[in-house]
Amino acid sequence: MKIIILTLFKDYFASPFSTSIIKRAVESGAVEFEIVDIRDFARNKHQTTDDRPFGGGSGMVMMIEPIDLALSEIKSKLSGKSLVILTSAKGKRYNQQKAVEYSHYDNIIIICGHYEGVDERVVESLVDEEVRIGDYVLTGGEPAAVVIADSVARLLPGVLGNEESIRGESHEEPGRLGYPQYTRPAEYKGMKVPDVLLGGNHQEISAWREKMRAKDDN
């Protein structure tokens, strides 16, 4: 899979994809990241990518032209099934089911929103989905892009090494969280691991885990 991120702040991504599991995924070829500076597609000498909103109001709005030009060039070089996403505080809420859906694409293009937002014609004509990662406002779409990229990349074959490790996770089913986990020592300062996990009866362990899976009441 190739994940391409369009941003005004390219340096933000200097380290998120070069550590831990994601770093190994890149080195193995399971995922490739490309960070694109939207300013490179601005047509004036000042590389302007935002302007005042029509109708008045505070802040600035990201312009459609640089984004359109960037997408056109990027898409011309891609093959396979592609998805274009815009990160936005007014988008649909992102969840684990979306991550699974996205993991089946060959290419994901993520546009990082900024300032007071992006010209609505980008949403109407250039992207497939507008998403938010939570019910709060960020200084920009870069943190959201990292969250989306990480949550998708870890689902790709071979990234985690053990495919069983993603089964039974929190949010695998909407509204359900994972079961409690324990490891050695079996007792620490009087705090004990549940006996059922020590007995070796896999049927009882499975039943206990299913019972203990919490519901998301938020």
C-alpha atoms as a PDB file:
ATOM      1  CA  MET A   1       0.000   0.000   0.000  1.00  0.00           C
ATOM      2  CA  LYS A   2       1.032   3.571  -0.654  1.00  0.00           C
ATOM      3  CA  ILE A   3      -0.094   6.340   1.694  1.00  0.00           C
ATOM      4  CA  ILE A   4       0.366   9.865   0.376  1.00  0.00           C
ATOM      5  CA  ILE A   5      -0.125  12.845   2.685  1.00  0.00           C
ATOM      6  CA  LEU A   6      -0.717  16.366   1.387  1.00  0.00           C
ATOM      7  CA  THR A   7       0.277  18.974   3.946  1.00  0.00           C
ATOM      8  CA  LEU A   8       1.452  22.532   4.489  1.00  0.00           C
ATOM      9  CA  PHE A   9       3.848  21.348   7.190  1.00  0.00           C
ATOM     10  CA  LYS A  10       5.985  18.597   5.725  1.00  0.00           C
ATOM     11  CA  ASP A  11       8.447  18.585   8.636  1.00  0.00           C
ATOM     12  CA  TYR A  12       5.706  17.347  10.951  1.00  0.00           C
ATOM     13  CA  PHE A  13       6.147  13.873   9.490  1.00  0.00           C
ATOM     14  CA  ALA A  14       9.911  13.636  10.001  1.00  0.00           C
ATOM     15  CA  SER A  15       9.611  10.970  12.716  1.00  0.00           C
ATOM     16  CA  PRO A  16       6.118   9.382  13.057  1.00  0.00           C
ATOM     17  CA  PHE A  17       6.740   6.829  10.297  1.00  0.00           C
ATOM     18  CA  SER A  18      10.378   6.091  11.115  1.00  0.00           C
ATOM     19  CA  THR A  19       9.985   4.307  14.443  1.00  0.00           C
ATOM     20  CA  SER A  20       8.785   0.984  15.840  1.00  0.00           C
ATOM     21  CA  ILE A  21       6.341  -1.223  13.924  1.00  0.00           C
ATOM     22  CA  ILE A  22       5.609   1.311  11.187  1.00  0.00           C
ATOM     23  CA  LYS A  23       9.324   1.675  10.477  1.00  0.00           C
ATOM     24  CA  ARG A  24       9.577  -2.105  10.035  1.00  0.00           C
ATOM     25  CA  ALA A  25       6.524  -2.059   7.771  1.00  0.00           C
ATOM     26  CA  VAL A  26       8.216   0.518   5.552  1.00  0.00           C
ATOM     27  CA  GLU A  27      11.479  -1.433   5.489  1.00  0.00           C
ATOM     28  CA  SER A  28       9.653  -4.643   4.545  1.00  0.00           C
ATOM     29  CA  GLY A  29       7.802  -2.934   1.715  1.00  0.00           C
ATOM     30  CA  ALA A  30       4.339  -3.497   3.209  1.00  0.00           C
ATOM     31  CA  VAL A  31       3.629   0.239   3.119  1.00  0.00           C
ATOM     32  CA  GLU A  32       5.200   3.246   1.447  1.00  0.00           C
ATOM     33  CA  PHE A  33       4.731   6.827   2.608  1.00  0.00           C
ATOM     34  CA  GLU A  34       5.046   9.955   0.501  1.00  0.00           C
ATOM     35  CA  ILE A  35       4.727  13.421   2.029  1.00  0.00           C
ATOM     36  CA  VAL A  36       3.754  16.153  -0.433  1.00  0.00           C
ATOM     37  CA  ASP A  37       4.048  19.885   0.267  1.00  0.00           C
ATOM     38  CA  ILE A  38       0.916  21.596  -1.040  1.00  0.00           C
ATOM     39  CA  ARG A  39       2.896  24.834  -1.390  1.00  0.00           C
ATOM     40  CA  ASP A  40       4.844  23.253  -4.239  1.00  0.00           C
ATOM     41  CA  PHE A  41       1.673  23.499  -6.326  1.00  0.00           C
ATOM     42  CA  ALA A  42       0.868  27.150  -5.599  1.00  0.00           C
ATOM     43  CA  ARG A  43       1.097  29.208  -8.788  1.00  0.00           C
ATOM     44  CA  ASN A  44       2.356  32.528  -7.456  1.00  0.00           C
ATOM     45  CA  LYS A  45       5.847  33.462  -6.314  1.00  0.00           C
ATOM     46  CA  HIS A  46       4.779  33.651  -2.668  1.00  0.00           C
ATOM     47  CA  GLN A  47       3.414  30.074  -2.794  1.00  0.00           C
ATOM     48  CA  THR A  48       0.066  31.209  -1.418  1.00  0.00           C
ATOM     49  CA  THR A  49      -2.204  28.339  -0.392  1.00  0.00           C
ATOM     50  CA  ASP A  50      -4.859  30.153   1.647  1.00  0.00           C
ATOM     51  CA  ASP A  51      -7.018  33.261   1.456  1.00  0.00           C
ATOM     52  CA  ARG A  52      -9.736  35.147   3.312  1.00  0.00           C
ATOM     53  CA  PRO A  53     -13.191  33.531   3.313  1.00  0.00           C
ATOM     54  CA  PHE A  54     -15.887  34.937   1.037  1.00  0.00           C
ATOM     55  CA  GLY A  55     -18.645  36.513   3.129  1.00  0.00           C
ATOM     56  CA  GLY A  56     -16.210  37.598   5.814  1.00  0.00           C
ATOM     57  CA  GLY A  57     -15.173  35.946   9.039  1.00  0.00           C
ATOM     58  CA  SER A  58     -12.019  35.256  10.992  1.00  0.00           C
ATOM     59  CA  GLY A  59      -9.105  33.150   9.861  1.00  0.00           C
ATOM     60  CA  MET A  60      -8.029  31.878   6.479  1.00  0.00           C
ATOM     61  CA  VAL A  61      -9.318  29.127   4.180  1.00  0.00           C
ATOM     62  CA  MET A  62      -7.162  26.711   2.183  1.00  0.00           C
ATOM     63  CA  MET A  63      -7.533  27.322  -1.560  1.00  0.00           C
ATOM     64  CA  ILE A  64      -8.795  24.689  -3.985  1.00  0.00           C
ATOM     65  CA  GLU A  65      -6.309  25.255  -6.825  1.00  0.00           C
ATOM     66  CA  PRO A  66      -3.062  24.011  -5.176  1.00  0.00           C
ATOM     67  CA  ILE A  67      -4.888  20.963  -3.820  1.00  0.00           C
ATOM     68  CA  ASP A  68      -6.426  20.186  -7.205  1.00  0.00           C
ATOM     69  CA  LEU A  69      -3.083  20.506  -8.982  1.00  0.00           C
ATOM     70  CA  ALA A  70      -1.375  18.296  -6.393  1.00  0.00           C
ATOM     71  CA  LEU A  71      -4.042  15.604  -6.657  1.00  0.00           C
ATOM     72  CA  SER A  72      -3.933  15.634 -10.452  1.00  0.00           C
ATOM     73  CA  GLU A  73      -0.183  15.073 -10.545  1.00  0.00           C
ATOM     74  CA  ILE A  74      -0.249  12.410  -7.816  1.00  0.00           C
ATOM     75  CA  LYS A  75      -3.101  10.437  -9.374  1.00  0.00           C
ATOM     76  CA  SER A  76      -1.403  10.425 -12.774  1.00  0.00           C
ATOM     77  CA  LYS A  77       1.419   8.356 -11.284  1.00  0.00           C
ATOM     78  CA  LEU A  78      -0.689   5.832  -9.351  1.00  0.00           C
ATOM     79  CA  SER A  79      -2.089   2.465 -10.310  1.00  0.00           C
ATOM     80  CA  GLY A  80      -4.656   0.360  -8.511  1.00  0.00           C
ATOM     81  CA  LYS A  81      -7.553   1.351  -6.297  1.00  0.00           C
ATOM     82  CA  SER A  82      -7.204   4.763  -4.666  1.00  0.00           C
ATOM     83  CA  LEU A  83      -9.073   6.677  -1.952  1.00  0.00           C
ATOM     84  CA  VAL A  84      -8.826  10.426  -1.261  1.00  0.00           C
ATOM     85  CA  ILE A  85      -9.528  11.611   2.288  1.00  0.00           C
ATOM     86  CA  LEU A  86      -9.746  15.092   3.783  1.00  0.00           C
ATOM     87  CA  THR A  87      -9.172  15.478   7.516  1.00  0.00           C
ATOM     88  CA  SER A  88     -11.721  17.917   8.895  1.00  0.00           C
ATOM     89  CA  ALA A  89     -13.399  18.692  12.209  1.00  0.00           C
ATOM     90  CA  LYS A  90     -16.753  18.479  10.434  1.00  0.00           C
ATOM     91  CA  GLY A  91     -16.147  15.153   8.719  1.00  0.00           C
ATOM     92  CA  LYS A  92     -17.592  11.755   9.564  1.00  0.00           C
ATOM     93  CA  ARG A  93     -16.110  10.169  12.668  1.00  0.00           C
ATOM     94  CA  TYR A  94     -13.269   7.744  11.937  1.00  0.00           C
ATOM     95  CA  ASN A  95     -13.374   4.311  13.582  1.00  0.00           C
ATOM     96  CA  GLN A  96     -11.861   0.831  13.411  1.00  0.00           C
ATOM     97  CA  GLN A  97     -14.330  -0.291  10.785  1.00  0.00           C
ATOM     98  CA  LYS A  98     -13.125   2.537   8.544  1.00  0.00           C
ATOM     99  CA  ALA A  99      -9.519   1.476   9.152  1.00  0.00           C
ATOM    100  CA  VAL A 100     -10.366  -2.051   7.980  1.00  0.00           C
ATOM    101  CA  GLU A 101     -12.160  -0.663   4.921  1.00  0.00           C
ATOM    102  CA  TYR A 102      -9.236   1.600   4.029  1.00  0.00           C
ATOM    103  CA  SER A 103      -6.719  -1.235   4.405  1.00  0.00           C
ATOM    104  CA  HIS A 104      -8.109  -2.846   1.236  1.00  0.00           C
ATOM    105  CA  TYR A 105      -7.078   0.050  -1.011  1.00  0.00           C
ATOM    106  CA  ASP A 106      -3.851   0.162  -2.982  1.00  0.00           C
ATOM    107  CA  ASN A 107      -3.388   3.888  -2.397  1.00  0.00           C
ATOM    108  CA  ILE A 108      -4.689   6.300   0.216  1.00  0.00           C
ATOM    109  CA  ILE A 109      -4.281  10.042  -0.251  1.00  0.00           C
ATOM    110  CA  ILE A 110      -4.824  12.109   2.903  1.00  0.00           C
ATOM    111  CA  ILE A 111      -5.240  15.887   2.667  1.00  0.00           C
ATOM    112  CA  CYS A 112      -4.455  17.661   5.928  1.00  0.00           C
ATOM    113  CA  GLY A 113      -6.962  20.421   6.586  1.00  0.00           C
ATOM    114  CA  HIS A 114      -5.785  23.624   8.282  1.00  0.00           C
ATOM    115  CA  TYR A 115      -6.726  27.120   9.422  1.00  0.00           C
ATOM    116  CA  GLU A 116     -10.498  27.725   9.341  1.00  0.00           C
ATOM    117  CA  GLY A 117     -10.930  24.848   6.931  1.00  0.00           C
ATOM    118  CA  VAL A 118     -10.690  24.012   3.243  1.00  0.00           C
ATOM    119  CA  ASP A 119     -12.652  25.470   0.333  1.00  0.00           C
ATOM    120  CA  GLU A 120     -15.855  23.413   0.286  1.00  0.00           C
ATOM    121  CA  ARG A 121     -15.412  22.684  -3.430  1.00  0.00           C
ATOM    122  CA  VAL A 122     -12.587  20.342  -2.416  1.00  0.00           C
ATOM    123  CA  VAL A 123     -15.111  18.325  -0.389  1.00  0.00           C
ATOM    124  CA  GLU A 124     -17.725  18.463  -3.138  1.00  0.00           C
ATOM    125  CA  SER A 125     -15.517  17.550  -6.092  1.00  0.00           C
ATOM    126  CA  LEU A 126     -12.049  16.292  -5.170  1.00  0.00           C
ATOM    127  CA  VAL A 127     -12.266  13.903  -2.214  1.00  0.00           C
ATOM    128  CA  ASP A 128     -14.066  10.649  -1.525  1.00  0.00           C
ATOM    129  CA  GLU A 129     -14.478  11.111   2.210  1.00  0.00           C
ATOM    130  CA  GLU A 130     -14.181  13.851   4.817  1.00  0.00           C
ATOM    131  CA  VAL A 131     -13.290  12.429   8.237  1.00  0.00           C
ATOM    132  CA  ARG A 132     -12.503  13.507  11.782  1.00  0.00           C
ATOM    133  CA  ILE A 133     -10.727  11.386  14.401  1.00  0.00           C
ATOM    134  CA  GLY A 134     -12.716  12.725  17.354  1.00  0.00           C
ATOM    135  CA  ASP A 135     -15.058  15.369  18.649  1.00  0.00           C
ATOM    136  CA  TYR A 136     -12.486  18.095  19.178  1.00  0.00           C
ATOM    137  CA  VAL A 137     -10.534  20.604  17.113  1.00  0.00           C
ATOM    138  CA  LEU A 138      -6.824  20.257  16.322  1.00  0.00           C
ATOM    139  CA  THR A 139      -4.395  22.928  15.163  1.00  0.00           C
ATOM    140  CA  GLY A 140      -4.227  21.085  11.857  1.00  0.00           C
ATOM    141  CA  GLY A 141      -4.929  17.810  10.129  1.00  0.00           C
ATOM    142  CA  GLU A 142      -1.414  16.418  10.520  1.00  0.00           C
ATOM    143  CA  PRO A 143      -2.053  14.543  13.811  1.00  0.00           C
ATOM    144  CA  ALA A 144      -5.224  13.078  12.307  1.00  0.00           C
ATOM    145  CA  ALA A 145      -3.318  11.947   9.214  1.00  0.00           C
ATOM    146  CA  VAL A 146      -0.791  10.120  11.414  1.00  0.00           C
ATOM    147  CA  VAL A 147      -3.600   8.402  13.342  1.00  0.00           C
ATOM    148  CA  ILE A 148      -5.328   7.256  10.168  1.00  0.00           C
ATOM    149  CA  ALA A 149      -2.102   6.099   8.519  1.00  0.00           C
ATOM    150  CA  ASP A 150      -0.969   4.175  11.606  1.00  0.00           C
ATOM    151  CA  SER A 151      -4.331   2.491  12.178  1.00  0.00           C
ATOM    152  CA  VAL A 152      -4.489   1.351   8.550  1.00  0.00           C
ATOM    153  CA  ALA A 153      -0.847   0.316   8.149  1.00  0.00           C
ATOM    154  CA  ARG A 154      -0.928  -2.015  11.167  1.00  0.00           C
ATOM    155  CA  LEU A 155      -3.737  -3.996   9.492  1.00  0.00           C
ATOM    156  CA  LEU A 156      -1.733  -4.790   6.374  1.00  0.00           C
ATOM    157  CA  PRO A 157      -0.552  -8.398   5.970  1.00  0.00           C
ATOM    158  CA  GLY A 158       2.794  -9.029   7.612  1.00  0.00           C
ATOM    159  CA  VAL A 159       3.062  -5.713   9.466  1.00  0.00           C
ATOM    160  CA  LEU A 160       2.404  -7.053  12.960  1.00  0.00           C
ATOM    161  CA  GLY A 161       4.006 -10.424  12.302  1.00  0.00           C
ATOM    162  CA  ASN A 162       1.280 -12.372  14.107  1.00  0.00           C
ATOM    163  CA  GLU A 163      -2.094 -11.926  12.390  1.00  0.00           C
ATOM    164  CA  GLU A 164      -3.844 -13.266  15.499  1.00  0.00           C
ATOM    165  CA  SER A 165      -2.783 -10.167  17.425  1.00  0.00           C
ATOM    166  CA  ILE A 166      -5.428  -7.994  15.751  1.00  0.00           C
ATOM    167  CA  ARG A 167      -8.296 -10.333  16.603  1.00  0.00           C
ATOM    168  CA  GLY A 168     -10.429  -9.509  19.611  1.00  0.00           C
ATOM    169  CA  GLU A 169      -9.065  -5.965  19.793  1.00  0.00           C
ATOM    170  CA  SER A 170     -10.965  -2.990  21.099  1.00  0.00           C
ATOM    171  CA  HIS A 171     -13.437  -1.625  18.524  1.00  0.00           C
ATOM    172  CA  GLU A 172     -13.190  -4.730  16.323  1.00  0.00           C
ATOM    173  CA  GLU A 173     -16.955  -4.726  16.720  1.00  0.00           C
ATOM    174  CA  PRO A 174     -18.628  -1.312  17.000  1.00  0.00           C
ATOM    175  CA  GLY A 175     -19.085  -0.291  20.635  1.00  0.00           C
ATOM    176  CA  ARG A 176     -17.066  -3.156  22.129  1.00  0.00           C
ATOM    177  CA  LEU A 177     -13.696  -2.887  23.818  1.00  0.00           C
ATOM    178  CA  GLY A 178     -10.971  -5.465  24.373  1.00  0.00           C
ATOM    179  CA  TYR A 179     -10.734  -7.866  27.311  1.00  0.00           C
ATOM    180  CA  PRO A 180      -8.228  -7.393  30.195  1.00  0.00           C
ATOM    181  CA  GLN A 181      -4.704  -8.720  29.664  1.00  0.00           C
ATOM    182  CA  TYR A 182      -2.196 -10.015  32.243  1.00  0.00           C
ATOM    183  CA  THR A 183       1.373 -11.316  32.223  1.00  0.00           C
ATOM    184  CA  ARG A 184       4.008 -12.493  34.741  1.00  0.00           C
ATOM    185  CA  PRO A 185       4.270 -12.473  37.673  1.00  0.00           C
ATOM    186  CA  ALA A 186       1.009 -14.241  38.512  1.00  0.00           C
ATOM    187  CA  GLU A 187       0.892 -12.343  41.812  1.00  0.00           C
ATOM    188  CA  TYR A 188       2.359  -8.931  42.574  1.00  0.00           C
ATOM    189  CA  LYS A 189       1.960  -7.154  45.925  1.00  0.00           C
ATOM    190  CA  GLY A 190      -1.155  -9.186  46.617  1.00  0.00           C
ATOM    191  CA  MET A 191      -2.687  -8.489  43.212  1.00  0.00           C
ATOM    192  CA  LYS A 192      -3.455 -11.786  41.485  1.00  0.00           C
ATOM    193  CA  VAL A 193      -4.112 -12.817  37.921  1.00  0.00           C
ATOM    194  CA  PRO A 194      -7.586 -14.423  37.556  1.00  0.00           C
ATOM    195  CA  ASP A 195      -7.372 -18.167  38.151  1.00  0.00           C
ATOM    196  CA  VAL A 196      -9.144 -18.991  34.888  1.00  0.00           C
ATOM    197  CA  LEU A 197      -6.170 -17.628  32.897  1.00  0.00           C
ATOM    198  CA  LEU A 198      -3.768 -19.918  34.739  1.00  0.00           C
ATOM    199  CA  GLY A 199      -5.738 -23.143  34.381  1.00  0.00           C
ATOM    200  CA  GLY A 200      -4.961 -23.931  30.748  1.00  0.00           C
ATOM    201  CA  ASN A 201      -8.591 -24.590  29.766  1.00  0.00           C
ATOM    202  CA  HIS A 202      -8.850 -22.685  26.496  1.00  0.00           C
ATOM    203  CA  GLN A 203     -12.620 -23.004  26.291  1.00  0.00           C
ATOM    204  CA  GLU A 204     -13.030 -21.459  29.753  1.00  0.00           C
ATOM    205  CA  ILE A 205     -10.481 -18.758  28.915  1.00  0.00           C
ATOM    206  CA  SER A 206     -12.360 -17.856  25.723  1.00  0.00           C
ATOM    207  CA  ALA A 207     -15.650 -17.689  27.598  1.00  0.00           C
ATOM    208  CA  TRP A 208     -14.090 -15.512  30.330  1.00  0.00           C
ATOM    209  CA  ARG A 209     -12.585 -13.151  27.796  1.00  0.00           C
ATOM    210  CA  GLU A 210     -15.845 -12.800  25.927  1.00  0.00           C
ATOM    211  CA  LYS A 211     -17.633 -12.072  29.206  1.00  0.00           C
ATOM    212  CA  MET A 212     -15.042  -9.484  30.214  1.00  0.00           C
ATOM    213  CA  ARG A 213     -15.067  -7.558  26.972  1.00  0.00           C
ATOM    214  CA  ALA A 214     -16.302  -4.134  27.925  1.00  0.00           C
ATOM    215  CA  LYS A 215     -18.884  -2.031  26.177  1.00  0.00           C
ATOM    216  CA  ASP A 216     -18.058   1.482  25.122  1.00  0.00           C
ATOM    217  CA  ASP A 217     -20.558   3.637  26.972  1.00  0.00           C
ATOM    218  CA  ASN A 218     -19.077   6.915  25.761  1.00  0.00           C
END
